[in-house]
Amino acid sequence: MTGLVLAALAGIATIVLLIVWLKIHPFLSLMAGSAVMALAAGVPLDKLFNSFTTGLGSTISSVGLLIVLGSIIGTLLVSSGGADVIVDTILSKTPVQRLPWAMALIAFIVGIPLFFEVGVVILIPVVMFAARRAKVPVVLFGIPALAGLSALHGLIPPHPGPLIAISALKANLGLTLAFGLIVAIPCVIISGPVLGRMMARWVPHQVREDFLGHSPAEGARRPGFGASLTVVLLPVVLMLAATVAEMTFGTKNPVGAFLGFVGTPLIALTITTVVAMFVFGYGLKKSRKEVDKIVGSSFGPIAGILLIVAAGGGFKQTLVDSHIADMLAKGLLAAALPPLLAGWLVAVVIRLATGSATVATITASGIVAPLAAGLSPTHTALMVLAIGAGSVFLSHVNDAGFWMVKEYFGMTVGETFKTWSLMETVLSVIGIIAVMLLSLVV
């Protein structure tokens, strides 16, 4: 048992060393960490990467397609101006004093089909414009927007982290989505508008004018607010409908079977992709060539994400096949920690070490999978959310998001810790508290 513990530590330490100190790409770092862990666990050299390649392939097949479809939807949404329509409509109907809450709502809605980094790039000009119009510190609006995006990133499918954890723990997607939305609400409210008001007094920087030149071209044909919002929410509605139908009609009823089919992640996102191509493309008189070009442009930016996610799946499979995950799970059980709290703590440790929420989610899911095997469907879904909450804990200097926020808001490293890092920590803690409280009633 001691040897397996050391093997796991050696693998994780290798990943941390390569990512944090040597600045090696996470894909290669995860691959190297898997090799070190397998060697330390006594795996023969000729089978060194067998588990890694198996896990890589299964992760791409289960999650990779969803990431690709999500990227297509997000790219169509942005390129058509649909994201701007949603943002502009909400801002135009919101009094200035309620704009922090509006920013959190905008981020929550627009962030559903978008990756965190893409959401930040889209919303930063909106945050800057609104802060300048209201003559308030940029943090007052920026922190609520970032809280909305971060909560979606860590808790809500079809974002990669939650999808990976759902696959690894064999959780029910509809339950996870429903509970994730419940948990995300207090997380966003407390770490966003409420905390942002205090932070605006601590860091009262005004808007950086150089970020105000990114507004969309005037006069371009854009989709309506209702159509844009419908496309954004369509996959969520389909997934939730599948769960409700399963509970109401059962899988043998024709209605339940149909809704269950269209509510599976791959089918729901495929349907949404087709709808998005018409609403954000052909419906705006774009030619097939133009729509094809937009779809093609969505693949490049996610190549790195796909590789990291796939390599994380390989690392997880190495953990599983070497029985290290079983042993670590037994250790957590022996520590008499509640399973949900144990899942959160494992994700927190890996997040602090690697700076990556995705790596933290993948690795933690592999470690606690044996713990989740004995849980009810509802508590398995909550385990996914516990891991997701832990994966966003205390972003610091080894996280690319830390530097992105620092530069956009023109803050020092210390000010970034007092705002962005604190917001992430509060969101994570509120998340696990909400998960634990929810576990008492479901």
Protein backbone atom coordinates (compact mmCIF):
# COMPACT_ATOMS: atom_id res chain seq x y z
CA MET A 1 0.00 0.00 0.00
CA THR A 2 2.82 2.42 0.85
CA GLY A 3 4.34 1.75 -2.56
CA LEU A 4 1.09 2.68 -4.32
CA VAL A 5 0.80 5.89 -2.27
CA LEU A 6 4.34 6.83 -3.29
CA ALA A 7 3.54 5.99 -6.91
CA ALA A 8 0.53 8.31 -6.89
CA LEU A 9 2.51 11.07 -5.21
CA ALA A 10 5.36 10.62 -7.70
CA GLY A 11 2.95 10.92 -10.65
CA ILE A 12 1.20 14.02 -9.29
CA ALA A 13 4.53 15.60 -8.24
CA THR A 14 5.88 15.05 -11.77
CA ILE A 15 2.87 16.85 -13.26
CA VAL A 16 3.22 19.75 -10.82
CA LEU A 17 6.96 20.06 -11.41
CA LEU A 18 6.62 20.06 -15.19
CA ILE A 19 3.63 22.43 -15.37
CA VAL A 20 4.56 24.91 -12.63
CA TRP A 21 8.35 25.05 -12.60
CA LEU A 22 9.48 23.89 -16.04
CA LYS A 23 6.48 25.37 -17.92
CA ILE A 24 5.91 22.20 -19.94
CA HIS A 25 2.55 21.93 -21.73
CA PRO A 26 -0.06 20.15 -19.55
CA PHE A 27 -0.57 17.46 -22.23
CA LEU A 28 3.07 16.37 -22.09
CA SER A 29 3.14 16.82 -18.31
CA LEU A 30 0.13 14.54 -17.82
CA MET A 31 1.66 11.98 -20.15
CA ALA A 32 4.95 12.06 -18.24
CA GLY A 33 3.15 11.90 -14.89
CA SER A 34 1.23 8.83 -16.02
CA ALA A 35 4.48 7.13 -17.08
CA VAL A 36 6.19 7.90 -13.77
CA MET A 37 3.19 6.68 -11.80
CA ALA A 38 2.94 3.46 -13.82
CA LEU A 39 6.66 2.77 -13.40
CA ALA A 40 6.50 3.42 -9.66
CA ALA A 41 3.48 1.12 -9.40
CA GLY A 42 5.42 -1.71 -11.05
CA VAL A 43 3.86 -1.69 -14.52
CA PRO A 44 6.12 -3.45 -17.09
CA LEU A 45 7.87 -1.20 -19.60
CA ASP A 46 6.12 -2.75 -22.60
CA LYS A 47 2.73 -1.88 -21.04
CA LEU A 48 3.76 1.53 -19.71
CA PHE A 49 1.25 3.53 -21.77
CA ASN A 50 -1.49 0.92 -22.25
CA SER A 51 -3.77 2.43 -19.61
CA PHE A 52 -2.91 5.96 -20.70
CA THR A 53 -3.88 5.39 -24.33
CA THR A 54 -7.05 3.52 -23.31
CA GLY A 55 -8.12 6.38 -21.06
CA LEU A 56 -7.18 8.96 -23.70
CA GLY A 57 -9.36 7.25 -26.31
CA SER A 58 -12.35 6.74 -24.04
CA THR A 59 -12.23 10.36 -22.88
CA ILE A 60 -12.18 11.71 -26.42
CA SER A 61 -15.08 9.44 -27.38
CA SER A 62 -17.20 10.44 -24.38
CA VAL A 63 -16.29 14.11 -23.92
CA GLY A 64 -14.29 15.25 -26.95
CA LEU A 65 -17.24 15.39 -29.35
CA LEU A 66 -19.23 17.43 -26.84
CA ILE A 67 -16.41 19.96 -26.52
CA VAL A 68 -16.25 20.29 -30.33
CA LEU A 69 -20.01 20.83 -30.65
CA GLY A 70 -19.99 23.32 -27.79
CA SER A 71 -17.23 25.26 -29.53
CA ILE A 72 -19.21 25.38 -32.79
CA ILE A 73 -22.30 26.71 -30.99
CA GLY A 74 -20.26 29.31 -29.10
CA THR A 75 -18.44 30.49 -32.22
CA LEU A 76 -21.71 30.88 -34.16
CA LEU A 77 -23.24 32.75 -31.21
CA VAL A 78 -20.36 35.22 -31.05
CA SER A 79 -19.74 35.72 -34.78
CA SER A 80 -23.42 36.42 -35.49
CA GLY A 81 -23.70 39.06 -32.79
CA GLY A 82 -26.11 36.90 -30.79
CA ALA A 83 -24.01 37.26 -27.66
CA ASP A 84 -24.04 41.06 -28.08
CA VAL A 85 -27.82 41.06 -28.52
CA ILE A 86 -28.31 39.19 -25.23
CA VAL A 87 -25.91 41.50 -23.41
CA ASP A 88 -27.27 44.75 -24.91
CA THR A 89 -30.90 43.82 -24.21
CA ILE A 90 -30.28 43.06 -20.55
CA LEU A 91 -28.14 46.17 -20.03
CA SER A 92 -30.71 48.45 -21.67
CA LYS A 93 -33.41 47.34 -19.23
CA THR A 94 -31.30 47.50 -16.04
CA PRO A 95 -30.95 50.50 -13.68
CA VAL A 96 -27.33 51.47 -12.96
CA GLN A 97 -27.48 50.36 -9.32
CA ARG A 98 -28.48 46.87 -10.40
CA LEU A 99 -25.84 46.48 -13.07
CA PRO A 100 -23.59 44.23 -10.92
CA TRP A 101 -26.48 41.75 -10.74
CA ALA A 102 -27.10 42.16 -14.46
CA MET A 103 -23.44 41.38 -15.16
CA ALA A 104 -23.69 38.16 -13.17
CA LEU A 105 -26.88 37.23 -15.05
CA ILE A 106 -25.33 38.00 -18.45
CA ALA A 107 -22.26 35.90 -17.62
CA PHE A 108 -24.49 33.08 -16.38
CA ILE A 109 -26.54 33.04 -19.61
CA VAL A 110 -23.80 33.70 -22.17
CA GLY A 111 -21.40 31.38 -20.35
CA ILE A 112 -23.58 28.26 -20.81
CA PRO A 113 -22.22 27.31 -24.26
CA LEU A 114 -18.83 29.09 -23.98
CA PHE A 115 -15.52 28.10 -22.44
CA PHE A 116 -14.36 30.29 -19.57
CA GLU A 117 -11.56 32.03 -21.50
CA VAL A 118 -13.88 32.78 -24.45
CA GLY A 119 -16.52 34.14 -22.08
CA VAL A 120 -13.96 36.45 -20.48
CA VAL A 121 -12.88 37.83 -23.86
CA ILE A 122 -16.51 38.45 -24.87
CA LEU A 123 -17.63 40.04 -21.61
CA ILE A 124 -14.62 42.24 -20.82
CA PRO A 125 -15.61 44.99 -23.32
CA VAL A 126 -19.16 44.90 -21.92
CA VAL A 127 -17.87 45.22 -18.37
CA MET A 128 -15.58 48.10 -19.36
CA PHE A 129 -18.32 49.92 -21.26
CA ALA A 130 -20.85 49.58 -18.43
CA ALA A 131 -18.31 50.65 -15.79
CA ARG A 132 -17.36 53.74 -17.78
CA ARG A 133 -21.02 54.64 -18.38
CA ALA A 134 -21.81 54.30 -14.67
CA LYS A 135 -18.47 55.92 -13.59
CA VAL A 136 -17.72 53.13 -11.11
CA PRO A 137 -14.63 50.96 -10.40
CA VAL A 138 -14.33 48.21 -13.00
CA VAL A 139 -14.11 45.55 -10.27
CA LEU A 140 -17.71 46.34 -9.23
CA PHE A 141 -18.98 44.91 -12.52
CA GLY A 142 -16.05 42.66 -13.39
CA ILE A 143 -16.16 40.38 -10.34
CA PRO A 144 -19.88 39.49 -10.76
CA ALA A 145 -19.26 38.66 -14.45
CA LEU A 146 -16.24 36.50 -13.58
CA ALA A 147 -18.19 34.77 -10.81
CA GLY A 148 -20.96 33.84 -13.24
CA LEU A 149 -18.50 32.45 -15.77
CA SER A 150 -16.46 30.57 -13.15
CA ALA A 151 -19.50 28.93 -11.57
CA LEU A 152 -20.65 27.70 -14.99
CA HIS A 153 -17.13 26.46 -15.77
CA GLY A 154 -16.85 24.41 -12.59
CA LEU A 155 -20.41 23.19 -12.03
CA ILE A 156 -22.59 23.11 -15.13
CA PRO A 157 -22.47 20.72 -18.09
CA PRO A 158 -21.81 20.96 -21.04
CA HIS A 159 -18.58 22.52 -19.76
CA PRO A 160 -15.64 20.06 -20.01
CA GLY A 161 -14.92 19.69 -16.27
CA PRO A 162 -18.41 18.65 -15.16
CA LEU A 163 -18.81 16.41 -18.23
CA ILE A 164 -15.55 14.62 -17.44
CA ALA A 165 -16.56 14.07 -13.81
CA ILE A 166 -20.04 12.87 -14.86
CA SER A 167 -18.44 10.32 -17.19
CA ALA A 168 -15.83 9.17 -14.65
CA LEU A 169 -18.30 8.79 -11.77
CA LYS A 170 -21.16 7.49 -13.97
CA ALA A 171 -23.42 10.24 -12.65
CA ASN A 172 -26.83 11.16 -14.07
CA LEU A 173 -26.34 14.20 -16.29
CA GLY A 174 -29.83 15.64 -15.77
CA LEU A 175 -29.60 15.41 -11.99
CA THR A 176 -26.12 16.97 -12.05
CA LEU A 177 -27.36 19.79 -14.26
CA ALA A 178 -30.40 20.48 -12.08
CA PHE A 179 -28.43 20.37 -8.82
CA GLY A 180 -25.62 22.37 -10.44
CA LEU A 181 -27.98 25.21 -11.28
CA ILE A 182 -29.27 25.20 -7.68
CA VAL A 183 -25.74 25.24 -6.22
CA ALA A 184 -24.50 27.87 -8.69
CA ILE A 185 -27.10 30.47 -7.66
CA PRO A 186 -25.79 31.17 -4.10
CA CYS A 187 -22.21 30.79 -5.36
CA VAL A 188 -22.67 33.53 -7.96
CA ILE A 189 -24.70 35.85 -5.71
CA ILE A 190 -22.28 35.79 -2.77
CA SER A 191 -18.96 35.68 -4.64
CA GLY A 192 -20.20 38.06 -7.35
CA PRO A 193 -22.40 41.11 -6.67
CA VAL A 194 -22.17 40.88 -2.86
CA LEU A 195 -18.39 40.42 -2.64
CA GLY A 196 -17.75 42.68 -5.64
CA ARG A 197 -19.19 45.67 -3.78
CA MET A 198 -16.57 45.31 -1.03
CA MET A 199 -13.77 44.66 -3.51
CA ALA A 200 -14.61 47.85 -5.41
CA ARG A 201 -13.68 49.77 -2.25
CA TRP A 202 -10.42 47.85 -1.87
CA VAL A 203 -9.37 48.23 -5.52
CA PRO A 204 -11.11 51.34 -6.91
CA HIS A 205 -9.45 51.31 -10.36
CA GLN A 206 -11.37 52.92 -13.18
CA VAL A 207 -11.76 51.48 -16.67
CA ARG A 208 -8.81 50.80 -18.95
CA GLU A 209 -9.74 52.84 -22.01
CA ASP A 210 -7.66 50.67 -24.34
CA PHE A 211 -10.18 47.84 -23.95
CA LEU A 212 -13.12 49.87 -25.19
CA GLY A 213 -12.50 49.47 -28.91
CA HIS A 214 -13.97 46.00 -29.41
CA SER A 215 -17.68 46.72 -29.91
CA PRO A 216 -19.35 44.97 -32.87
CA ALA A 217 -19.81 46.69 -36.22
CA GLU A 218 -22.95 48.78 -36.44
CA GLY A 219 -25.55 47.88 -39.05
CA ALA A 220 -24.64 44.22 -39.31
CA ARG A 221 -27.61 41.87 -39.47
CA ARG A 222 -28.01 40.19 -36.07
CA PRO A 223 -30.38 37.59 -34.60
CA GLY A 224 -33.13 38.63 -32.20
CA PHE A 225 -32.88 38.40 -28.42
CA GLY A 226 -35.47 35.62 -28.15
CA ALA A 227 -33.82 33.52 -30.86
CA SER A 228 -30.35 33.97 -29.35
CA LEU A 229 -31.52 33.08 -25.86
CA THR A 230 -33.42 30.04 -27.17
CA VAL A 231 -30.30 28.60 -28.80
CA VAL A 232 -28.19 29.21 -25.69
CA LEU A 233 -30.69 27.50 -23.39
CA LEU A 234 -31.75 24.72 -25.79
CA PRO A 235 -29.20 22.06 -24.69
CA VAL A 236 -29.97 22.73 -21.02
CA VAL A 237 -33.73 22.42 -21.64
CA LEU A 238 -33.30 19.17 -23.60
CA MET A 239 -31.09 17.60 -20.92
CA LEU A 240 -33.43 18.60 -18.10
CA ALA A 241 -36.46 17.41 -20.07
CA ALA A 242 -34.85 13.98 -20.47
CA THR A 243 -34.42 13.62 -16.71
CA VAL A 244 -37.98 14.80 -15.96
CA ALA A 245 -39.37 12.43 -18.62
CA GLU A 246 -37.40 9.51 -17.22
CA MET A 247 -38.76 10.17 -13.73
CA THR A 248 -42.33 10.82 -14.96
CA PHE A 249 -42.89 8.39 -17.84
CA GLY A 250 -40.07 5.88 -17.53
CA THR A 251 -37.77 4.74 -20.33
CA LYS A 252 -40.26 2.26 -21.86
CA ASN A 253 -42.92 4.91 -22.52
CA PRO A 254 -42.60 6.30 -26.10
CA VAL A 255 -42.58 9.92 -24.85
CA GLY A 256 -40.03 9.14 -22.16
CA ALA A 257 -37.86 7.19 -24.60
CA PHE A 258 -37.92 10.01 -27.17
CA LEU A 259 -37.13 12.76 -24.68
CA GLY A 260 -34.46 10.56 -23.14
CA PHE A 261 -32.86 10.19 -26.57
CA VAL A 262 -32.88 13.89 -27.51
CA GLY A 263 -31.69 14.78 -24.00
CA THR A 264 -28.50 12.75 -24.13
CA PRO A 265 -25.55 15.21 -24.25
CA LEU A 266 -24.35 14.27 -27.74
CA ILE A 267 -27.84 14.43 -29.31
CA ALA A 268 -28.82 17.60 -27.41
CA LEU A 269 -25.69 19.43 -28.55
CA THR A 270 -25.99 18.07 -32.10
CA ILE A 271 -29.56 19.39 -32.32
CA THR A 272 -28.45 22.73 -30.89
CA THR A 273 -25.57 22.92 -33.38
CA VAL A 274 -27.95 22.45 -36.31
CA VAL A 275 -30.38 25.02 -34.89
CA ALA A 276 -27.49 27.45 -34.31
CA MET A 277 -26.32 27.07 -37.92
CA PHE A 278 -29.78 28.16 -39.11
CA VAL A 279 -30.45 30.88 -36.50
CA PHE A 280 -26.95 32.38 -36.50
CA GLY A 281 -26.05 31.55 -40.10
CA TYR A 282 -28.51 30.76 -42.85
CA GLY A 283 -31.30 32.71 -41.13
CA LEU A 284 -29.12 35.84 -41.33
CA LYS A 285 -28.64 35.32 -45.09
CA LYS A 286 -25.13 33.93 -44.67
CA SER A 287 -24.03 31.63 -47.47
CA ARG A 288 -23.11 27.99 -46.92
CA LYS A 289 -19.48 28.93 -47.49
CA GLU A 290 -19.62 31.62 -44.79
CA VAL A 291 -21.26 29.29 -42.27
CA ASP A 292 -18.76 26.56 -43.11
CA LYS A 293 -15.91 29.01 -42.52
CA ILE A 294 -17.31 29.98 -39.11
CA VAL A 295 -17.74 26.33 -38.12
CA GLY A 296 -14.19 25.56 -39.26
CA SER A 297 -12.78 28.45 -37.24
CA SER A 298 -14.18 26.90 -34.05
CA PHE A 299 -11.84 23.89 -34.13
CA GLY A 300 -8.43 25.53 -33.78
CA PRO A 301 -8.94 27.24 -30.40
CA ILE A 302 -10.08 24.00 -28.71
CA ALA A 303 -7.23 21.78 -29.92
CA GLY A 304 -5.22 22.42 -26.75
CA ILE A 305 -8.26 21.85 -24.54
CA LEU A 306 -9.01 18.53 -26.24
CA LEU A 307 -5.43 17.34 -25.78
CA ILE A 308 -5.32 18.28 -22.10
CA VAL A 309 -8.69 16.70 -21.41
CA ALA A 310 -7.68 13.52 -23.26
CA ALA A 311 -4.34 13.29 -21.46
CA GLY A 312 -6.13 13.82 -18.16
CA GLY A 313 -8.36 10.87 -19.02
CA GLY A 314 -5.22 8.82 -19.66
CA PHE A 315 -3.79 9.80 -16.28
CA LYS A 316 -7.07 8.91 -14.60
CA GLN A 317 -7.14 5.49 -16.27
CA THR A 318 -3.59 4.81 -15.11
CA LEU A 319 -4.73 5.63 -11.57
CA VAL A 320 -7.63 3.23 -11.92
CA ASP A 321 -5.81 0.31 -13.58
CA SER A 322 -2.92 0.40 -11.11
CA HIS A 323 -5.48 0.22 -8.25
CA ILE A 324 -4.01 3.41 -6.80
CA ALA A 325 -7.44 5.07 -6.96
CA ASP A 326 -8.98 2.20 -4.96
CA MET A 327 -6.26 2.48 -2.35
CA LEU A 328 -6.56 6.27 -2.07
CA ALA A 329 -10.33 5.95 -1.76
CA LYS A 330 -9.88 3.45 1.08
CA GLY A 331 -7.53 5.91 2.74
CA LEU A 332 -10.16 8.64 2.49
CA LEU A 333 -12.76 6.29 3.96
CA ALA A 334 -10.39 5.41 6.80
CA ALA A 335 -10.00 9.12 7.51
CA ALA A 336 -13.76 9.13 8.22
CA LEU A 337 -14.31 12.17 6.01
CA PRO A 338 -17.72 12.56 4.39
CA PRO A 339 -17.33 11.42 0.76
CA LEU A 340 -18.47 14.77 -0.67
CA LEU A 341 -16.00 16.70 1.48
CA ALA A 342 -13.24 14.25 0.54
CA GLY A 343 -13.93 14.81 -3.16
CA TRP A 344 -13.78 18.57 -2.68
CA LEU A 345 -10.51 18.40 -0.73
CA VAL A 346 -8.80 16.21 -3.34
CA ALA A 347 -9.80 18.66 -6.10
CA VAL A 348 -8.62 21.63 -4.00
CA VAL A 349 -5.16 20.11 -3.47
CA ILE A 350 -4.67 19.33 -7.16
CA ARG A 351 -6.02 22.74 -8.20
CA LEU A 352 -3.56 24.51 -5.88
CA ALA A 353 -0.69 22.38 -7.18
CA THR A 354 -1.36 22.55 -10.92
CA GLY A 355 -3.39 25.74 -11.41
CA SER A 356 -5.77 23.94 -13.76
CA ALA A 357 -9.43 23.40 -12.92
CA THR A 358 -9.70 20.80 -15.68
CA VAL A 359 -6.67 18.81 -14.46
CA ALA A 360 -8.01 19.01 -10.90
CA THR A 361 -11.42 17.71 -11.99
CA ILE A 362 -10.00 14.85 -14.06
CA THR A 363 -7.52 13.68 -11.43
CA ALA A 364 -9.90 14.04 -8.49
CA SER A 365 -12.61 12.14 -10.38
CA GLY A 366 -10.23 9.24 -10.92
CA ILE A 367 -9.19 9.18 -7.26
CA VAL A 368 -12.70 9.33 -5.75
CA ALA A 369 -14.47 7.16 -8.34
CA PRO A 370 -14.40 4.12 -5.98
CA LEU A 371 -16.01 6.27 -3.27
CA ALA A 372 -18.78 7.32 -5.65
CA ALA A 373 -19.53 3.71 -6.61
CA GLY A 374 -21.46 3.18 -3.37
CA LEU A 375 -23.43 6.43 -3.49
CA SER A 376 -27.05 6.94 -4.55
CA PRO A 377 -27.68 8.61 -7.96
CA THR A 378 -28.45 11.93 -6.27
CA HIS A 379 -25.30 11.87 -4.15
CA THR A 380 -23.19 10.77 -7.11
CA ALA A 381 -24.39 13.90 -8.91
CA LEU A 382 -23.51 15.93 -5.82
CA MET A 383 -20.02 14.36 -5.83
CA VAL A 384 -19.51 15.76 -9.33
CA LEU A 385 -20.44 19.21 -8.00
CA ALA A 386 -18.21 18.84 -4.94
CA ILE A 387 -15.26 18.10 -7.21
CA GLY A 388 -16.25 20.97 -9.50
CA ALA A 389 -16.40 23.38 -6.57
CA GLY A 390 -12.96 22.26 -5.40
CA SER A 391 -11.49 22.66 -8.87
CA VAL A 392 -11.90 26.47 -8.84
CA PHE A 393 -10.41 27.06 -5.37
CA LEU A 394 -7.85 29.93 -5.01
CA SER A 395 -6.59 30.71 -8.50
CA HIS A 396 -3.04 32.00 -8.13
CA VAL A 397 0.17 32.56 -10.12
CA ASN A 398 0.20 29.10 -11.74
CA ASP A 399 -3.21 29.70 -13.36
CA ALA A 400 -3.44 31.46 -16.75
CA GLY A 401 -6.77 32.97 -15.66
CA PHE A 402 -5.00 34.84 -12.84
CA TRP A 403 -2.79 36.71 -15.30
CA MET A 404 -5.62 37.28 -17.77
CA VAL A 405 -7.72 39.03 -15.11
CA LYS A 406 -4.72 40.96 -13.78
CA GLU A 407 -3.90 42.44 -17.17
CA TYR A 408 -7.48 43.17 -18.24
CA PHE A 409 -8.26 45.04 -15.03
CA GLY A 410 -4.87 46.75 -14.76
CA MET A 411 -4.20 45.41 -11.26
CA THR A 412 -1.04 44.49 -9.36
CA VAL A 413 -0.41 40.89 -8.28
CA GLY A 414 -1.52 41.77 -4.74
CA GLU A 415 -4.72 43.41 -5.96
CA THR A 416 -5.47 40.38 -8.14
CA PHE A 417 -5.18 38.16 -5.06
CA LYS A 418 -7.56 40.47 -3.14
CA THR A 419 -10.17 40.32 -5.91
CA TRP A 420 -10.02 37.45 -8.42
CA SER A 421 -8.30 34.89 -6.15
CA LEU A 422 -10.55 35.70 -3.19
CA MET A 423 -13.66 35.51 -5.39
CA GLU A 424 -12.66 32.05 -6.64
CA THR A 425 -12.00 30.85 -3.08
CA VAL A 426 -15.32 32.14 -1.76
CA LEU A 427 -17.15 30.60 -4.74
CA SER A 428 -15.50 27.24 -4.03
CA VAL A 429 -16.30 27.30 -0.31
CA ILE A 430 -19.91 28.40 -0.85
CA GLY A 431 -20.15 25.64 -3.45
CA ILE A 432 -19.17 22.83 -1.09
CA ILE A 433 -21.38 24.26 1.69
CA ALA A 434 -24.35 24.32 -0.72
CA VAL A 435 -23.56 20.77 -1.88
CA MET A 436 -23.35 19.48 1.72
CA LEU A 437 -26.62 21.18 2.66
CA LEU A 438 -28.32 19.84 -0.47
CA SER A 439 -27.12 16.34 0.41
CA LEU A 440 -29.18 16.50 3.61
CA VAL A 441 -32.46 16.86 1.71
CA VAL A 442 -32.02 14.79 -1.49
